[in-house]
Amino acid sequence: MLLGLSKIIDCPGGEIPFETTLDLSEMRFGGCCPLNEPVRAVGRVRNTAGVLLLTGEIDTNLNGVCDRCCKPFRRAFHLPVEVVLVKKLESEQLSDPWIFELQDDQADLDDIFTTAVVLNMDSQLLCDPACKGLCPRCGKDLNDGPCDCKPERDPRLQVLEKLLNK
């Protein structure tokens, strides 16, 4: 979606609200497509002393398979977004991912919010940040309680273990 900003570019204090929906269902993260529900973005662009500032929020649900316990999950995904919009990118601004260039006095909201999602997606998809995962030996889900596996002993200390058993 292109958002026309010509009304506020030369009008400090001017503001334009927006609301859009993105389809990011084909975007892959960690071997799956967790954004298979519509991504809703709402916010506003405001001219603050000649600087165009876009502030908004992204809301959707992640549907995926946990990278630790391998169970399917669905959880809310909320992301605040704040970017600067400029008529022309200067060389020192090229490396800043939060500065976007306008296209004929229009902001490309799809590009802005897709970039925000990609830069803020966790490297691991987890059902819960506190997920304990699976036991590497027996495969039991450690979120349901501890397994019966005995901890591996350091092979360098086996000689000492023999002394303790005597």
Protein backbone atom coordinates (compact mmCIF):
# COMPACT_ATOMS: atom_id res chain seq x y z
CA MET A 1 0.00 0.00 0.00
CA LEU A 2 1.31 3.42 -0.93
CA LEU A 3 0.41 6.18 1.52
CA GLY A 4 0.26 9.67 -0.01
CA LEU A 5 2.04 12.25 2.14
CA SER A 6 2.00 15.35 -0.08
CA LYS A 7 -0.48 17.09 2.29
CA ILE A 8 1.92 17.03 5.25
CA ILE A 9 5.41 17.16 3.69
CA ASP A 10 5.56 20.97 3.95
CA CYS A 11 3.18 21.28 6.90
CA PRO A 12 4.87 20.89 10.32
CA GLY A 13 2.45 19.33 12.78
CA GLY A 14 0.49 17.65 9.99
CA GLU A 15 -0.55 14.07 10.53
CA ILE A 16 -1.99 11.24 8.41
CA PRO A 17 -3.33 8.06 10.05
CA PHE A 18 -3.23 4.71 8.27
CA GLU A 19 -4.38 1.13 8.63
CA THR A 20 -3.35 -1.70 6.33
CA THR A 21 -3.19 -5.46 6.15
CA LEU A 22 -0.24 -7.42 4.76
CA ASP A 23 -0.12 -10.96 3.43
CA LEU A 24 3.21 -12.44 4.53
CA SER A 25 2.03 -16.06 4.35
CA GLU A 26 4.77 -17.02 1.87
CA MET A 27 7.61 -15.65 4.04
CA ARG A 28 9.76 -18.49 5.40
CA PHE A 29 11.46 -18.49 8.80
CA GLY A 30 13.30 -21.59 10.00
CA GLY A 31 11.75 -23.91 7.43
CA CYS A 32 8.12 -22.87 7.97
CA CYS A 33 5.77 -19.99 7.18
CA PRO A 34 4.58 -18.81 10.62
CA LEU A 35 2.80 -15.67 9.36
CA ASN A 36 -0.10 -17.44 7.67
CA GLU A 37 -2.66 -15.08 9.21
CA PRO A 38 -3.11 -11.47 7.98
CA VAL A 39 -0.65 -8.98 9.47
CA ARG A 40 -2.46 -5.82 10.61
CA ALA A 41 -0.53 -2.55 10.77
CA VAL A 42 -1.95 0.70 12.16
CA GLY A 43 -0.34 4.02 12.94
CA ARG A 44 0.31 7.51 11.68
CA VAL A 45 2.83 9.62 9.85
CA ARG A 46 3.53 12.96 11.43
CA ASN A 47 5.57 15.94 10.28
CA THR A 48 7.62 16.91 13.33
CA ALA A 49 9.64 20.06 12.61
CA GLY A 50 10.06 19.02 8.98
CA VAL A 51 10.92 15.39 9.73
CA LEU A 52 8.39 12.75 8.68
CA LEU A 53 8.09 10.17 11.44
CA LEU A 54 6.05 7.00 10.98
CA THR A 55 4.92 5.34 14.19
CA GLY A 56 2.76 2.27 14.23
CA GLU A 57 2.13 -1.21 15.51
CA ILE A 58 2.02 -4.62 13.87
CA ASP A 59 -0.29 -7.32 15.22
CA THR A 60 -0.80 -10.91 14.09
CA ASN A 61 -0.45 -14.48 15.32
CA LEU A 62 2.51 -16.77 14.72
CA ASN A 63 1.60 -20.34 13.79
CA GLY A 64 4.57 -22.65 13.77
CA VAL A 65 6.41 -25.59 15.24
CA CYS A 66 8.57 -24.92 18.29
CA ASP A 67 12.30 -25.27 17.58
CA ARG A 68 12.88 -26.74 21.07
CA CYS A 69 9.97 -29.08 21.84
CA CYS A 70 8.69 -29.70 18.26
CA LYS A 71 5.07 -29.00 19.21
CA PRO A 72 2.83 -26.83 17.05
CA PHE A 73 1.98 -23.48 18.60
CA ARG A 74 -0.02 -20.32 18.03
CA ARG A 75 0.95 -17.13 19.84
CA ALA A 76 0.40 -13.42 19.48
CA PHE A 77 3.02 -11.32 17.70
CA HIS A 78 3.05 -7.59 18.49
CA LEU A 79 5.67 -5.17 17.24
CA PRO A 80 5.92 -1.39 17.68
CA VAL A 81 7.50 0.33 14.66
CA GLU A 82 9.10 3.76 14.35
CA VAL A 83 10.84 4.86 11.16
CA VAL A 84 11.96 8.11 9.53
CA LEU A 85 10.79 8.92 6.02
CA VAL A 86 12.97 11.07 3.74
CA LYS A 87 12.56 12.46 0.23
CA LYS A 88 16.05 11.31 -0.76
CA LEU A 89 18.47 9.00 1.03
CA GLU A 90 21.87 10.52 1.74
CA SER A 91 24.98 8.32 1.69
CA GLU A 92 25.25 8.18 5.50
CA GLN A 93 21.61 7.04 5.74
CA LEU A 94 22.00 4.06 3.42
CA SER A 95 23.12 1.73 6.22
CA ASP A 96 20.28 2.66 8.61
CA PRO A 97 17.45 0.12 8.18
CA TRP A 98 14.96 2.47 9.89
CA ILE A 99 15.16 5.27 7.32
CA PHE A 100 13.01 4.84 4.21
CA GLU A 101 12.93 6.88 1.03
CA LEU A 102 9.63 8.23 -0.25
CA GLN A 103 8.51 7.39 -3.78
CA ASP A 104 6.89 10.46 -5.34
CA ASP A 105 5.77 11.77 -1.92
CA GLN A 106 4.38 8.34 -0.99
CA ALA A 107 5.47 5.86 1.67
CA ASP A 108 5.49 2.17 0.72
CA LEU A 109 3.87 0.69 3.84
CA ASP A 110 4.25 -2.90 2.59
CA ASP A 111 8.02 -2.47 2.29
CA ILE A 112 8.33 -0.71 5.67
CA PHE A 113 6.34 -3.28 7.64
CA THR A 114 7.81 -6.29 5.84
CA THR A 115 11.29 -5.00 6.69
CA ALA A 116 10.26 -4.46 10.33
CA VAL A 117 8.93 -8.02 10.62
CA VAL A 118 12.05 -9.56 9.05
CA LEU A 119 14.43 -7.55 11.26
CA ASN A 120 12.50 -8.37 14.44
CA MET A 121 11.65 -12.03 13.93
CA ASP A 122 13.38 -14.27 16.45
CA SER A 123 16.09 -16.56 15.10
CA GLN A 124 14.28 -19.47 16.77
CA LEU A 125 10.52 -19.96 16.68
CA LEU A 126 9.52 -20.92 20.21
CA CYS A 127 6.14 -21.78 21.69
CA ASP A 128 7.26 -19.92 24.81
CA PRO A 129 10.56 -18.17 25.64
CA ALA A 130 10.85 -20.46 28.69
CA CYS A 131 10.38 -23.69 26.68
CA LYS A 132 12.71 -26.37 28.06
CA GLY A 133 12.73 -28.49 24.90
CA LEU A 134 13.34 -32.23 24.62
CA CYS A 135 15.82 -34.45 26.46
CA PRO A 136 18.69 -35.11 24.01
CA ARG A 137 18.93 -38.75 25.17
CA CYS A 138 15.38 -40.04 25.63
CA GLY A 139 13.37 -37.37 23.78
CA LYS A 140 10.96 -36.63 26.65
CA ASP A 141 9.33 -33.19 26.61
CA LEU A 142 11.02 -31.44 29.55
CA ASN A 143 8.11 -28.98 29.81
CA ASP A 144 6.05 -31.89 31.22
CA GLY A 145 8.66 -32.58 33.93
CA PRO A 146 12.17 -34.03 34.25
CA CYS A 147 13.11 -37.29 32.55
CA ASP A 148 14.67 -40.35 34.21
CA CYS A 149 18.01 -40.06 32.42
CA LYS A 150 21.06 -39.91 34.62
CA PRO A 151 23.43 -37.03 33.88
CA GLU A 152 26.49 -37.97 31.85
CA ARG A 153 29.68 -37.93 33.81
CA ASP A 154 32.80 -36.28 32.52
CA PRO A 155 35.02 -39.12 31.18
CA ARG A 156 38.08 -37.40 32.63
CA LEU A 157 36.66 -37.96 36.12
CA GLN A 158 35.92 -41.71 35.77
CA VAL A 159 39.03 -42.60 37.75
CA LEU A 160 37.78 -40.52 40.67
CA GLU A 161 34.36 -42.15 40.43
CA LYS A 162 36.00 -45.57 40.93
CA LEU A 163 37.60 -44.25 44.12
CA LEU A 164 34.23 -43.03 45.39
CA ASN A 165 32.61 -46.42 44.78
CA LYS A 166 35.17 -48.21 47.04
